Amino acid sequence: MGIRIEVGDKWVITSDQYQFIPNEKKVAQSGKKTGEEWLDTIGYYPKMNQLISGLIHHHIQQSSITTLDAMAAEIERIGEMCASSIKVAE
C-alpha cells in the first residue's frame, strides 16, 4: 500500500513498493476535466532524503530567487514544511 502525504498546498508525496514520488498539484485548464486537480510527477526517489532534496531542487529552479541568502531561507522553509508534514502523517 502506498503513502499519500500533503506537503503544504502545492505538493503531494506518494509512493509505490519501490520508490517515493513527489508530485506537484495542478489544475486542468482545458478538456473534459477542466478545473479538476491532478498530480504532475516531479521524479522518482528510492529514499525519502533524496526525495526532499529533489523537491527543493525542483522548487529552487522554478523560483525567482536571486541571492544566496534567499535561497538558503527557501531551502530551510521547504525542509521544515516537509518535516512537519511527515510528522503529522505518522
PDB file of N, CA and C in Angstrom:
ATOM      1  N   MET A   1       0.846  -1.182   0.000  1.00  0.00           N
ATOM      2  CA  MET A   1       0.000   0.000   0.000  1.00  0.00           C
ATOM      3  C   MET A   1       0.887   1.240   0.000  1.00  0.00           C
ATOM      4  N   GLY A   2       0.563   2.219  -0.818  1.00  0.00           N
ATOM      5  CA  GLY A   2       1.353   3.430  -0.934  1.00  0.00           C
ATOM      6  C   GLY A   2       0.955   4.477   0.087  1.00  0.00           C
ATOM      7  N   ILE A   3       1.796   5.481   0.194  1.00  0.00           N
ATOM      8  CA  ILE A   3       1.515   6.596   1.090  1.00  0.00           C
ATOM      9  C   ILE A   3       0.994   7.776   0.275  1.00  0.00           C
ATOM     10  N   ARG A   4       0.392   8.717   0.969  1.00  0.00           N
ATOM     11  CA  ARG A   4      -0.026   9.986   0.373  1.00  0.00           C
ATOM     12  C   ARG A   4       0.118  11.035   1.463  1.00  0.00           C
ATOM     13  N   ILE A   5       1.113  11.908   1.311  1.00  0.00           N
ATOM     14  CA  ILE A   5       1.387  12.948   2.299  1.00  0.00           C
ATOM     15  C   ILE A   5       1.298  14.299   1.610  1.00  0.00           C
ATOM     16  N   GLU A   6       0.394  15.141   2.088  1.00  0.00           N
ATOM     17  CA  GLU A   6       0.262  16.506   1.568  1.00  0.00           C
ATOM     18  C   GLU A   6       1.384  17.350   2.168  1.00  0.00           C
ATOM     19  N   VAL A   7       2.103  18.085   1.327  1.00  0.00           N
ATOM     20  CA  VAL A   7       3.168  18.982   1.778  1.00  0.00           C
ATOM     21  C   VAL A   7       2.769  20.385   1.355  1.00  0.00           C
ATOM     22  N   GLY A   8       2.306  21.167   2.326  1.00  0.00           N
ATOM     23  CA  GLY A   8       1.807  22.492   2.002  1.00  0.00           C
ATOM     24  C   GLY A   8       0.600  22.383   1.085  1.00  0.00           C
ATOM     25  N   ASP A   9       0.359  23.426   0.307  1.00  0.00           N
ATOM     26  CA  ASP A   9      -0.784  23.397  -0.613  1.00  0.00           C
ATOM     27  C   ASP A   9      -0.343  23.144  -2.055  1.00  0.00           C
ATOM     28  N   LYS A  10       0.952  22.872  -2.249  1.00  0.00           N
ATOM     29  CA  LYS A  10       1.489  22.757  -3.598  1.00  0.00           C
ATOM     30  C   LYS A  10       1.935  21.344  -3.985  1.00  0.00           C
ATOM     31  N   TRP A  11       2.297  20.502  -3.010  1.00  0.00           N
ATOM     32  CA  TRP A  11       2.876  19.200  -3.325  1.00  0.00           C
ATOM     33  C   TRP A  11       2.193  18.064  -2.582  1.00  0.00           C
ATOM     34  N   VAL A  12       2.345  16.867  -3.141  1.00  0.00           N
ATOM     35  CA  VAL A  12       1.875  15.628  -2.510  1.00  0.00           C
ATOM     36  C   VAL A  12       2.966  14.578  -2.719  1.00  0.00           C
ATOM     37  N   ILE A  13       3.334  13.895  -1.646  1.00  0.00           N
ATOM     38  CA  ILE A  13       4.283  12.788  -1.747  1.00  0.00           C
ATOM     39  C   ILE A  13       3.476  11.498  -1.786  1.00  0.00           C
ATOM     40  N   THR A  14       3.710  10.699  -2.814  1.00  0.00           N
ATOM     41  CA  THR A  14       3.079   9.387  -2.916  1.00  0.00           C
ATOM     42  C   THR A  14       4.196   8.344  -2.987  1.00  0.00           C
ATOM     43  N   SER A  15       3.806   7.081  -2.971  1.00  0.00           N
ATOM     44  CA  SER A  15       4.816   6.027  -3.085  1.00  0.00           C
ATOM     45  C   SER A  15       4.203   4.783  -3.694  1.00  0.00           C
ATOM     46  N   ASP A  16       5.075   3.928  -4.173  1.00  0.00           N
ATOM     47  CA  ASP A  16       4.687   2.572  -4.531  1.00  0.00           C
ATOM     48  C   ASP A  16       5.635   1.657  -3.760  1.00  0.00           C
ATOM     49  N   GLN A  17       5.693   0.404  -4.106  1.00  0.00           N
ATOM     50  CA  GLN A  17       6.507  -0.512  -3.320  1.00  0.00           C
ATOM     51  C   GLN A  17       8.008  -0.289  -3.485  1.00  0.00           C
ATOM     52  N   TYR A  18       8.421   0.487  -4.479  1.00  0.00           N
ATOM     53  CA  TYR A  18       9.841   0.669  -4.756  1.00  0.00           C
ATOM     54  C   TYR A  18      10.387   2.070  -4.491  1.00  0.00           C
ATOM     55  N   GLN A  19       9.534   3.095  -4.518  1.00  0.00           N
ATOM     56  CA  GLN A  19      10.058   4.460  -4.505  1.00  0.00           C
ATOM     57  C   GLN A  19       9.075   5.466  -3.926  1.00  0.00           C
ATOM     58  N   PHE A  20       9.633   6.633  -3.604  1.00  0.00           N
ATOM     59  CA  PHE A  20       8.843   7.778  -3.172  1.00  0.00           C
ATOM     60  C   PHE A  20       8.719   8.712  -4.371  1.00  0.00           C
ATOM     61  N   ILE A  21       7.542   9.324  -4.518  1.00  0.00           N
ATOM     62  CA  ILE A  21       7.252  10.116  -5.711  1.00  0.00           C
ATOM     63  C   ILE A  21       6.713  11.490  -5.301  1.00  0.00           C
ATOM     64  N   PRO A  22       7.494  12.562  -5.518  1.00  0.00           N
ATOM     65  CA  PRO A  22       6.959  13.897  -5.275  1.00  0.00           C
ATOM     66  C   PRO A  22       6.105  14.330  -6.464  1.00  0.00           C
ATOM     67  N   ASN A  23       4.967  14.931  -6.175  1.00  0.00           N
ATOM     68  CA  ASN A  23       4.042  15.395  -7.208  1.00  0.00           C
ATOM     69  C   ASN A  23       3.672  16.847  -6.936  1.00  0.00           C
ATOM     70  N   GLU A  24       3.515  17.612  -7.985  1.00  0.00           N
ATOM     71  CA  GLU A  24       3.043  18.988  -7.866  1.00  0.00           C
ATOM     72  C   GLU A  24       1.559  19.010  -8.207  1.00  0.00           C
ATOM     73  N   LYS A  25       0.766  19.664  -7.358  1.00  0.00           N
ATOM     74  CA  LYS A  25      -0.666  19.783  -7.622  1.00  0.00           C
ATOM     75  C   LYS A  25      -0.879  20.792  -8.745  1.00  0.00           C
ATOM     76  N   LYS A  26      -1.700  20.413  -9.709  1.00  0.00           N
ATOM     77  CA  LYS A  26      -2.047  21.314 -10.807  1.00  0.00           C
ATOM     78  C   LYS A  26      -3.537  21.199 -11.080  1.00  0.00           C
ATOM     79  N   VAL A  27      -4.078  22.186 -11.784  1.00  0.00           N
ATOM     80  CA  VAL A  27      -5.494  22.190 -12.139  1.00  0.00           C
ATOM     81  C   VAL A  27      -5.600  22.168 -13.661  1.00  0.00           C
ATOM     82  N   ALA A  28      -6.408  21.243 -14.172  1.00  0.00           N
ATOM     83  CA  ALA A  28      -6.598  21.122 -15.623  1.00  0.00           C
ATOM     84  C   ALA A  28      -7.201  22.414 -16.169  1.00  0.00           C
ATOM     85  N   GLN A  29      -6.622  22.921 -17.249  1.00  0.00           N
ATOM     86  CA  GLN A  29      -7.057  24.187 -17.834  1.00  0.00           C
ATOM     87  C   GLN A  29      -8.004  24.011 -19.018  1.00  0.00           C
ATOM     88  N   SER A  30      -8.064  22.801 -19.572  1.00  0.00           N
ATOM     89  CA  SER A  30      -8.942  22.575 -20.721  1.00  0.00           C
ATOM     90  C   SER A  30      -9.360  21.115 -20.774  1.00  0.00           C
ATOM     91  N   GLY A  31     -10.280  20.819 -21.661  1.00  0.00           N
ATOM     92  CA  GLY A  31     -10.745  19.450 -21.831  1.00  0.00           C
ATOM     93  C   GLY A  31     -11.885  19.102 -20.895  1.00  0.00           C
ATOM     94  N   LYS A  32     -12.219  17.817 -20.861  1.00  0.00           N
ATOM     95  CA  LYS A  32     -13.338  17.350 -20.041  1.00  0.00           C
ATOM     96  C   LYS A  32     -13.106  17.546 -18.551  1.00  0.00           C
ATOM     97  N   LYS A  33     -11.860  17.603 -18.155  1.00  0.00           N
ATOM     98  CA  LYS A  33     -11.541  17.701 -16.728  1.00  0.00           C
ATOM     99  C   LYS A  33     -11.133  19.114 -16.313  1.00  0.00           C
ATOM    100  N   THR A  34     -11.569  20.115 -17.042  1.00  0.00           N
ATOM    101  CA  THR A  34     -11.254  21.499 -16.714  1.00  0.00           C
ATOM    102  C   THR A  34     -11.640  21.796 -15.272  1.00  0.00           C
ATOM    103  N   GLY A  35     -10.700  22.377 -14.543  1.00  0.00           N
ATOM    104  CA  GLY A  35     -10.950  22.744 -13.154  1.00  0.00           C
ATOM    105  C   GLY A  35     -10.642  21.648 -12.150  1.00  0.00           C
ATOM    106  N   GLU A  36     -10.388  20.439 -12.616  1.00  0.00           N
ATOM    107  CA  GLU A  36     -10.076  19.339 -11.701  1.00  0.00           C
ATOM    108  C   GLU A  36      -8.589  19.323 -11.377  1.00  0.00           C
ATOM    109  N   GLU A  37      -8.284  18.990 -10.119  1.00  0.00           N
ATOM    110  CA  GLU A  37      -6.895  18.889  -9.698  1.00  0.00           C
ATOM    111  C   GLU A  37      -6.288  17.576 -10.194  1.00  0.00           C
ATOM    112  N   TRP A  38      -5.021  17.634 -10.590  1.00  0.00           N
ATOM    113  CA  TRP A  38      -4.281  16.445 -10.975  1.00  0.00           C
ATOM    114  C   TRP A  38      -2.868  16.568 -10.437  1.00  0.00           C
ATOM    115  N   LEU A  39      -2.148  15.460 -10.361  1.00  0.00           N
ATOM    116  CA  LEU A  39      -0.793  15.447  -9.821  1.00  0.00           C
ATOM    117  C   LEU A  39       0.219  15.260 -10.946  1.00  0.00           C
ATOM    118  N   ASP A  40       1.168  16.188 -11.030  1.00  0.00           N
ATOM    119  CA  ASP A  40       2.236  16.141 -12.021  1.00  0.00           C
ATOM    120  C   ASP A  40       3.488  15.591 -11.332  1.00  0.00           C
ATOM    121  N   THR A  41       3.948  14.438 -11.755  1.00  0.00           N
ATOM    122  CA  THR A  41       5.104  13.790 -11.133  1.00  0.00           C
ATOM    123  C   THR A  41       6.370  14.601 -11.367  1.00  0.00           C
ATOM    124  N   ILE A  42       7.117  14.833 -10.287  1.00  0.00           N
ATOM    125  CA  ILE A  42       8.383  15.562 -10.357  1.00  0.00           C
ATOM    126  C   ILE A  42       9.543  14.593 -10.562  1.00  0.00           C
ATOM    127  N   GLY A  43       9.489  13.433  -9.922  1.00  0.00           N
ATOM    128  CA  GLY A  43      10.580  12.464 -10.041  1.00  0.00           C
ATOM    129  C   GLY A  43      10.286  11.207  -9.247  1.00  0.00           C
ATOM    130  N   TYR A  44      11.262  10.317  -9.229  1.00  0.00           N
ATOM    131  CA  TYR A  44      11.149   9.050  -8.506  1.00  0.00           C
ATOM    132  C   TYR A  44      12.417   8.869  -7.683  1.00  0.00           C
ATOM    133  N   TYR A  45      12.263   8.613  -6.383  1.00  0.00           N
ATOM    134  CA  TYR A  45      13.406   8.528  -5.486  1.00  0.00           C
ATOM    135  C   TYR A  45      13.289   7.308  -4.574  1.00  0.00           C
ATOM    136  N   PRO A  46      14.378   6.531  -4.431  1.00  0.00           N
ATOM    137  CA  PRO A  46      14.318   5.343  -3.575  1.00  0.00           C
ATOM    138  C   PRO A  46      14.349   5.659  -2.084  1.00  0.00           C
ATOM    139  N   LYS A  47      14.828   6.850  -1.715  1.00  0.00           N
ATOM    140  CA  LYS A  47      14.938   7.221  -0.299  1.00  0.00           C
ATOM    141  C   LYS A  47      14.274   8.574  -0.060  1.00  0.00           C
ATOM    142  N   MET A  48      13.710   8.729   1.138  1.00  0.00           N
ATOM    143  CA  MET A  48      12.989   9.959   1.477  1.00  0.00           C
ATOM    144  C   MET A  48      13.906  11.181   1.447  1.00  0.00           C
ATOM    145  N   ASN A  49      15.149  11.059   1.940  1.00  0.00           N
ATOM    146  CA  ASN A  49      16.042  12.221   1.935  1.00  0.00           C
ATOM    147  C   ASN A  49      16.357  12.668   0.507  1.00  0.00           C
ATOM    148  N   GLN A  50      16.423  11.719  -0.436  1.00  0.00           N
ATOM    149  CA  GLN A  50      16.640  12.071  -1.838  1.00  0.00           C
ATOM    150  C   GLN A  50      15.416  12.782  -2.409  1.00  0.00           C
ATOM    151  N   LEU A  51      14.238  12.350  -2.004  1.00  0.00           N
ATOM    152  CA  LEU A  51      13.005  12.996  -2.445  1.00  0.00           C
ATOM    153  C   LEU A  51      12.975  14.451  -1.987  1.00  0.00           C
ATOM    154  N   ILE A  52      13.298  14.696  -0.725  1.00  0.00           N
ATOM    155  CA  ILE A  52      13.265  16.065  -0.203  1.00  0.00           C
ATOM    156  C   ILE A  52      14.278  16.933  -0.939  1.00  0.00           C
ATOM    157  N   SER A  53      15.479  16.412  -1.175  1.00  0.00           N
ATOM    158  CA  SER A  53      16.480  17.163  -1.949  1.00  0.00           C
ATOM    159  C   SER A  53      15.976  17.457  -3.359  1.00  0.00           C
ATOM    160  N   GLY A  54      15.353  16.473  -3.991  1.00  0.00           N
ATOM    161  CA  GLY A  54      14.813  16.663  -5.336  1.00  0.00           C
ATOM    162  C   GLY A  54      13.691  17.683  -5.375  1.00  0.00           C
ATOM    163  N   LEU A  55      12.837  17.657  -4.358  1.00  0.00           N
ATOM    164  CA  LEU A  55      11.736  18.614  -4.272  1.00  0.00           C
ATOM    165  C   LEU A  55      12.273  20.036  -4.106  1.00  0.00           C
ATOM    166  N   ILE A  56      13.269  20.195  -3.239  1.00  0.00           N
ATOM    167  CA  ILE A  56      13.894  21.510  -3.041  1.00  0.00           C
ATOM    168  C   ILE A  56      14.551  21.972  -4.340  1.00  0.00           C
ATOM    169  N   HIS A  57      15.288  21.102  -4.984  1.00  0.00           N
ATOM    170  CA  HIS A  57      15.962  21.439  -6.243  1.00  0.00           C
ATOM    171  C   HIS A  57      14.952  21.887  -7.300  1.00  0.00           C
ATOM    172  N   HIS A  58      13.866  21.145  -7.437  1.00  0.00           N
ATOM    173  CA  HIS A  58      12.810  21.490  -8.401  1.00  0.00           C
ATOM    174  C   HIS A  58      12.225  22.871  -8.092  1.00  0.00           C
ATOM    175  N   HIS A  59      11.941  23.116  -6.818  1.00  0.00           N
ATOM    176  CA  HIS A  59      11.342  24.392  -6.424  1.00  0.00           C
ATOM    177  C   HIS A  59      12.306  25.561  -6.674  1.00  0.00           C
ATOM    178  N   ILE A  60      13.561  25.398  -6.305  1.00  0.00           N
ATOM    179  CA  ILE A  60      14.550  26.467  -6.483  1.00  0.00           C
ATOM    180  C   ILE A  60      14.710  26.797  -7.968  1.00  0.00           C
ATOM    181  N   GLN A  61      14.740  25.781  -8.819  1.00  0.00           N
ATOM    182  CA  GLN A  61      14.890  26.024 -10.259  1.00  0.00           C
ATOM    183  C   GLN A  61      13.715  26.808 -10.836  1.00  0.00           C
ATOM    184  N   GLN A  62      12.531  26.630 -10.270  1.00  0.00           N
ATOM    185  CA  GLN A  62      11.346  27.291 -10.805  1.00  0.00           C
ATOM    186  C   GLN A  62      11.047  28.626 -10.124  1.00  0.00           C
ATOM    187  N   SER A  63      11.865  29.008  -9.159  1.00  0.00           N
ATOM    188  CA  SER A  63      11.600  30.245  -8.422  1.00  0.00           C
ATOM    189  C   SER A  63      12.386  31.405  -9.027  1.00  0.00           C
ATOM    190  N   SER A  64      12.146  32.580  -8.477  1.00  0.00           N
ATOM    191  CA  SER A  64      12.856  33.773  -8.947  1.00  0.00           C
ATOM    192  C   SER A  64      13.871  34.248  -7.908  1.00  0.00           C
ATOM    193  N   ILE A  65      14.441  33.329  -7.167  1.00  0.00           N
ATOM    194  CA  ILE A  65      15.430  33.654  -6.139  1.00  0.00           C
ATOM    195  C   ILE A  65      16.680  34.215  -6.809  1.00  0.00           C
ATOM    196  N   THR A  66      17.205  35.303  -6.217  1.00  0.00           N
ATOM    197  CA  THR A  66      18.368  35.957  -6.823  1.00  0.00           C
ATOM    198  C   THR A  66      19.568  36.074  -5.893  1.00  0.00           C
ATOM    199  N   THR A  67      19.418  35.694  -4.616  1.00  0.00           N
ATOM    200  CA  THR A  67      20.547  35.786  -3.691  1.00  0.00           C
ATOM    201  C   THR A  67      20.735  34.464  -2.953  1.00  0.00           C
ATOM    202  N   LEU A  68      21.946  34.249  -2.475  1.00  0.00           N
ATOM    203  CA  LEU A  68      22.225  33.034  -1.711  1.00  0.00           C
ATOM    204  C   LEU A  68      21.462  33.020  -0.392  1.00  0.00           C
ATOM    205  N   ASP A  69      21.311  34.187   0.233  1.00  0.00           N
ATOM    206  CA  ASP A  69      20.548  34.256   1.484  1.00  0.00           C
ATOM    207  C   ASP A  69      19.096  33.842   1.261  1.00  0.00           C
ATOM    208  N   ALA A  70      18.505  34.321   0.180  1.00  0.00           N
ATOM    209  CA  ALA A  70      17.118  33.957  -0.128  1.00  0.00           C
ATOM    210  C   ALA A  70      17.012  32.468  -0.438  1.00  0.00           C
ATOM    211  N   MET A  71      18.009  31.932  -1.131  1.00  0.00           N
ATOM    212  CA  MET A  71      18.000  30.504  -1.442  1.00  0.00           C
ATOM    213  C   MET A  71      18.112  29.676  -0.163  1.00  0.00           C
ATOM    214  N   ALA A  72      19.000  30.064   0.732  1.00  0.00           N
ATOM    215  CA  ALA A  72      19.165  29.343   1.998  1.00  0.00           C
ATOM    216  C   ALA A  72      17.876  29.383   2.812  1.00  0.00           C
ATOM    217  N   ALA A  73      17.227  30.533   2.845  1.00  0.00           N
ATOM    218  CA  ALA A  73      15.970  30.666   3.589  1.00  0.00           C
ATOM    219  C   ALA A  73      14.880  29.790   2.974  1.00  0.00           C
ATOM    220  N   GLU A  74      14.825  29.727   1.665  1.00  0.00           N
ATOM    221  CA  GLU A  74      13.811  28.916   0.983  1.00  0.00           C
ATOM    222  C   GLU A  74      14.069  27.426   1.194  1.00  0.00           C
ATOM    223  N   ILE A  75      15.325  27.018   1.156  1.00  0.00           N
ATOM    224  CA  ILE A  75      15.676  25.620   1.425  1.00  0.00           C
ATOM    225  C   ILE A  75      15.261  25.243   2.840  1.00  0.00           C
ATOM    226  N   GLU A  76      15.539  26.104   3.790  1.00  0.00           N
ATOM    227  CA  GLU A  76      15.152  25.862   5.188  1.00  0.00           C
ATOM    228  C   GLU A  76      13.633  25.768   5.321  1.00  0.00           C
ATOM    229  N   ARG A  77      12.912  26.670   4.671  1.00  0.00           N
ATOM    230  CA  ARG A  77      11.450  26.687   4.754  1.00  0.00           C
ATOM    231  C   ARG A  77      10.844  25.399   4.192  1.00  0.00           C
ATOM    232  N   ILE A  78      11.313  24.978   3.040  1.00  0.00           N
ATOM    233  CA  ILE A  78      10.767  23.763   2.429  1.00  0.00           C
ATOM    234  C   ILE A  78      11.132  22.534   3.253  1.00  0.00           C
ATOM    235  N   GLY A  79      12.356  22.486   3.763  1.00  0.00           N
ATOM    236  CA  GLY A  79      12.763  21.373   4.619  1.00  0.00           C
ATOM    237  C   GLY A  79      11.888  21.255   5.853  1.00  0.00           C
ATOM    238  N   GLU A  80      11.602  22.388   6.490  1.00  0.00           N
ATOM    239  CA  GLU A  80      10.731  22.388   7.672  1.00  0.00           C
ATOM    240  C   GLU A  80       9.304  21.985   7.304  1.00  0.00           C
ATOM    241  N   MET A  81       8.815  22.446   6.158  1.00  0.00           N
ATOM    242  CA  MET A  81       7.470  22.090   5.714  1.00  0.00           C
ATOM    243  C   MET A  81       7.373  20.574   5.487  1.00  0.00           C
ATOM    244  N   CYS A  82       8.390  20.000   4.853  1.00  0.00           N
ATOM    245  CA  CYS A  82       8.403  18.545   4.628  1.00  0.00           C
ATOM    246  C   CYS A  82       8.444  17.799   5.957  1.00  0.00           C
ATOM    247  N   ALA A  83       9.307  18.230   6.865  1.00  0.00           N
ATOM    248  CA  ALA A  83       9.440  17.559   8.158  1.00  0.00           C
ATOM    249  C   ALA A  83       8.136  17.602   8.940  1.00  0.00           C
ATOM    250  N   SER A  84       7.474  18.760   8.968  1.00  0.00           N
ATOM    251  CA  SER A  84       6.224  18.859   9.728  1.00  0.00           C
ATOM    252  C   SER A  84       5.109  18.055   9.063  1.00  0.00           C
ATOM    253  N   SER A  85       5.082  17.994   7.739  1.00  0.00           N
ATOM    254  CA  SER A  85       4.059  17.201   7.043  1.00  0.00           C
ATOM    255  C   SER A  85       4.250  15.713   7.294  1.00  0.00           C
ATOM    256  N   ILE A  86       5.489  15.263   7.317  1.00  0.00           N
ATOM    257  CA  ILE A  86       5.774  13.845   7.549  1.00  0.00           C
ATOM    258  C   ILE A  86       5.457  13.470   8.990  1.00  0.00           C
ATOM    259  N   LYS A  87       5.764  14.351   9.949  1.00  0.00           N
ATOM    260  CA  LYS A  87       5.446  14.078  11.357  1.00  0.00           C
ATOM    261  C   LYS A  87       3.944  13.976  11.569  1.00  0.00           C
ATOM    262  N   VAL A  88       3.176  14.853  10.915  1.00  0.00           N
ATOM    263  CA  VAL A  88       1.716  14.841  11.043  1.00  0.00           C
ATOM    264  C   VAL A  88       1.150  13.553  10.468  1.00  0.00           C
ATOM    265  N   ALA A  89       1.741  13.064   9.387  1.00  0.00           N
ATOM    266  CA  ALA A  89       1.228  11.869   8.709  1.00  0.00           C
ATOM    267  C   ALA A  89       1.517  10.577   9.470  1.00  0.00           C
ATOM    268  N   GLU A  90       2.483  10.582  10.379  1.00  0.00           N
ATOM    269  CA  GLU A  90       2.845   9.351  11.099  1.00  0.00           C
ATOM    270  C   GLU A  90       1.770   8.891  12.038  1.00  0.00           C
TER     271      GLU A  90
END
